[in-house]
C-alpha cells in the first residue's frame, strides 16, 4: 500500500530529492548553501543599487546641463548688461531659475 495514493508521483517529492541530491553531491551543508545564496542575493542587490544610483546621477547631470544652457542663452540674449547693477541681475537670475523649475 502506498503512503499517499492520491499523489503517487508528486512534483515536490522529485524536486526536493533533486535539491538534496545536488547539495550532498556538492559537499556543502544546508547552512553553507544558505550563506552562498544570501551572498549572491547581496551582490545582486548591491549591483542593482549601484546601477540605479548611476542612472539617477546621470539624469541629474543632464537636467543641470539643460538648466545651465537655458540660463546661459537667457543671459546672452539680454541687452545692455553693463547698465544693470549686480544685485538686480542676481534677482533677475533667481526669478528665471524659479520659472525654469516650474
C-alpha atoms as a PDB file:
ATOM      1  CA  UNK A   1       0.000   0.000   0.000  1.00  0.00           C
ATOM      2  CA  UNK A   2       1.237   3.455  -0.889  1.00  0.00           C
ATOM      3  CA  UNK A   3       1.560   6.186   1.705  1.00  0.00           C
ATOM      4  CA  UNK A   4      -0.240   8.748  -0.462  1.00  0.00           C
ATOM      5  CA  UNK A   5      -2.446   7.018  -3.011  1.00  0.00           C
ATOM      6  CA  UNK A   6      -3.851  10.299  -4.386  1.00  0.00           C
ATOM      7  CA  UNK A   7      -0.487  11.743  -5.377  1.00  0.00           C
ATOM      8  CA  UNK A   8       1.841   8.862  -6.146  1.00  0.00           C
ATOM      9  CA  UNK A   9       4.212  10.751  -8.446  1.00  0.00           C
ATOM     10  CA  UNK A  10       4.257  14.278  -6.993  1.00  0.00           C
ATOM     11  CA  UNK A  11       6.325  17.145  -8.311  1.00  0.00           C
ATOM     12  CA  UNK A  12       7.506  18.305  -4.883  1.00  0.00           C
ATOM     13  CA  UNK A  13       8.830  14.874  -3.966  1.00  0.00           C
ATOM     14  CA  UNK A  14      11.055  14.815  -7.023  1.00  0.00           C
ATOM     15  CA  UNK A  15      12.000  18.481  -6.657  1.00  0.00           C
ATOM     16  CA  UNK A  16      13.270  18.074  -3.091  1.00  0.00           C
ATOM     17  CA  UNK A  17      15.003  14.819  -3.981  1.00  0.00           C
ATOM     18  CA  UNK A  18      16.917  16.603  -6.741  1.00  0.00           C
ATOM     19  CA  UNK A  19      17.759  19.538  -4.466  1.00  0.00           C
ATOM     20  CA  UNK A  20      19.060  17.381  -1.641  1.00  0.00           C
ATOM     21  CA  UNK A  21      20.995  15.132  -4.032  1.00  0.00           C
ATOM     22  CA  UNK A  22      22.621  18.192  -5.630  1.00  0.00           C
ATOM     23  CA  UNK A  23      23.541  19.676  -2.254  1.00  0.00           C
ATOM     24  CA  UNK A  24      25.006  16.438  -0.985  1.00  0.00           C
ATOM     25  CA  UNK A  25      26.950  15.904  -4.211  1.00  0.00           C
ATOM     26  CA  UNK A  26      28.477  19.371  -3.886  1.00  0.00           C
ATOM     27  CA  UNK A  27      29.601  18.526  -0.357  1.00  0.00           C
ATOM     28  CA  UNK A  28      28.073  21.592   1.279  1.00  0.00           C
ATOM     29  CA  UNK A  29      25.679  21.614   4.177  1.00  0.00           C
ATOM     30  CA  UNK A  30      22.321  23.359   4.062  1.00  0.00           C
ATOM     31  CA  UNK A  31      23.662  26.165   6.235  1.00  0.00           C
ATOM     32  CA  UNK A  32      26.550  26.754   3.833  1.00  0.00           C
ATOM     33  CA  UNK A  33      24.184  26.817   0.856  1.00  0.00           C
ATOM     34  CA  UNK A  34      22.053  29.409   2.623  1.00  0.00           C
ATOM     35  CA  UNK A  35      25.174  31.570   3.059  1.00  0.00           C
ATOM     36  CA  UNK A  36      26.053  31.143  -0.622  1.00  0.00           C
ATOM     37  CA  UNK A  37      22.550  32.032  -1.791  1.00  0.00           C
ATOM     38  CA  UNK A  38      22.367  35.068   0.508  1.00  0.00           C
ATOM     39  CA  UNK A  39      25.820  36.227  -0.629  1.00  0.00           C
ATOM     40  CA  UNK A  40      24.708  36.058  -4.258  1.00  0.00           C
ATOM     41  CA  UNK A  41      21.496  37.915  -3.363  1.00  0.00           C
ATOM     42  CA  UNK A  42      23.505  40.595  -1.548  1.00  0.00           C
ATOM     43  CA  UNK A  43      25.845  41.003  -4.504  1.00  0.00           C
ATOM     44  CA  UNK A  44      22.910  41.368  -6.900  1.00  0.00           C
ATOM     45  CA  UNK A  45      21.246  43.891  -4.587  1.00  0.00           C
ATOM     46  CA  UNK A  46      24.470  45.888  -4.357  1.00  0.00           C
ATOM     47  CA  UNK A  47      24.892  45.855  -8.143  1.00  0.00           C
ATOM     48  CA  UNK A  48      21.292  46.979  -8.675  1.00  0.00           C
ATOM     49  CA  UNK A  49      21.773  49.798  -6.170  1.00  0.00           C
ATOM     50  CA  UNK A  50      24.967  50.921  -7.911  1.00  0.00           C
ATOM     51  CA  UNK A  51      23.345  50.915 -11.356  1.00  0.00           C
ATOM     52  CA  UNK A  52      20.250  52.748 -10.090  1.00  0.00           C
ATOM     53  CA  UNK A  53      22.378  55.422  -8.413  1.00  0.00           C
ATOM     54  CA  UNK A  54      24.470  55.823 -11.553  1.00  0.00           C
ATOM     55  CA  UNK A  55      21.332  56.269 -13.664  1.00  0.00           C
ATOM     56  CA  UNK A  56      19.929  58.809 -11.200  1.00  0.00           C
ATOM     57  CA  UNK A  57      23.149  60.838 -11.161  1.00  0.00           C
ATOM     58  CA  UNK A  58      23.267  60.846 -14.966  1.00  0.00           C
ATOM     59  CA  UNK A  59      19.687  62.145 -15.144  1.00  0.00           C
ATOM     60  CA  UNK A  60      20.520  64.871 -12.601  1.00  0.00           C
ATOM     61  CA  UNK A  61      23.586  65.880 -14.618  1.00  0.00           C
ATOM     62  CA  UNK A  62      21.511  66.142 -17.808  1.00  0.00           C
ATOM     63  CA  UNK A  63      18.933  68.333 -16.041  1.00  0.00           C
ATOM     64  CA  UNK A  64      21.690  70.568 -14.644  1.00  0.00           C
ATOM     65  CA  UNK A  65      23.219  70.933 -18.109  1.00  0.00           C
ATOM     66  CA  UNK A  66      19.828  71.873 -19.580  1.00  0.00           C
ATOM     67  CA  UNK A  67      19.240  74.439 -16.837  1.00  0.00           C
ATOM     68  CA  UNK A  68      22.709  75.924 -17.340  1.00  0.00           C
ATOM     69  CA  UNK A  69      22.187  76.182 -21.097  1.00  0.00           C
ATOM     70  CA  UNK A  70      18.799  77.872 -20.658  1.00  0.00           C
ATOM     71  CA  UNK A  71      20.295  80.371 -18.225  1.00  0.00           C
ATOM     72  CA  UNK A  72      23.316  80.950 -20.487  1.00  0.00           C
ATOM     73  CA  UNK A  73      21.106  81.628 -23.529  1.00  0.00           C
ATOM     74  CA  UNK A  74      18.866  83.939 -21.463  1.00  0.00           C
ATOM     75  CA  UNK A  75      21.791  85.986 -20.191  1.00  0.00           C
ATOM     76  CA  UNK A  76      23.391  86.119 -23.658  1.00  0.00           C
ATOM     77  CA  UNK A  77      20.124  87.448 -25.102  1.00  0.00           C
ATOM     78  CA  UNK A  78      19.865  90.361 -22.664  1.00  0.00           C
ATOM     79  CA  UNK A  79      20.714  93.818 -23.945  1.00  0.00           C
ATOM     80  CA  UNK A  80      22.936  96.309 -22.181  1.00  0.00           C
ATOM     81  CA  UNK A  81      24.256  94.053 -19.396  1.00  0.00           C
ATOM     82  CA  UNK A  82      26.625  96.758 -18.174  1.00  0.00           C
ATOM     83  CA  UNK A  83      23.851  99.186 -17.197  1.00  0.00           C
ATOM     84  CA  UNK A  84      22.274  96.900 -14.582  1.00  0.00           C
ATOM     85  CA  UNK A  85      23.544  96.510 -11.028  1.00  0.00           C
ATOM     86  CA  UNK A  86      24.802  93.145  -9.773  1.00  0.00           C
ATOM     87  CA  UNK A  87      22.016  92.854  -7.213  1.00  0.00           C
ATOM     88  CA  UNK A  88      19.415  93.439  -9.923  1.00  0.00           C
ATOM     89  CA  UNK A  89      20.964  90.756 -12.098  1.00  0.00           C
ATOM     90  CA  UNK A  90      21.008  88.329  -9.157  1.00  0.00           C
ATOM     91  CA  UNK A  91      17.304  88.933  -8.502  1.00  0.00           C
ATOM     92  CA  UNK A  92      16.534  88.565 -12.195  1.00  0.00           C
ATOM     93  CA  UNK A  93      18.506  85.320 -12.429  1.00  0.00           C
ATOM     94  CA  UNK A  94      16.738  83.978  -9.341  1.00  0.00           C
ATOM     95  CA  UNK A  95      13.385  84.742 -10.960  1.00  0.00           C
ATOM     96  CA  UNK A  96      14.420  82.973 -14.166  1.00  0.00           C
ATOM     97  CA  UNK A  97      15.681  79.933 -12.240  1.00  0.00           C
ATOM     98  CA  UNK A  98      12.396  79.757 -10.309  1.00  0.00           C
ATOM     99  CA  UNK A  99      10.496  79.783 -13.606  1.00  0.00           C
ATOM    100  CA  UNK A 100      12.742  77.045 -15.025  1.00  0.00           C
ATOM    101  CA  UNK A 101      11.947  74.798 -12.054  1.00  0.00           C
ATOM    102  CA  UNK A 102       8.188  75.100 -12.699  1.00  0.00           C
END
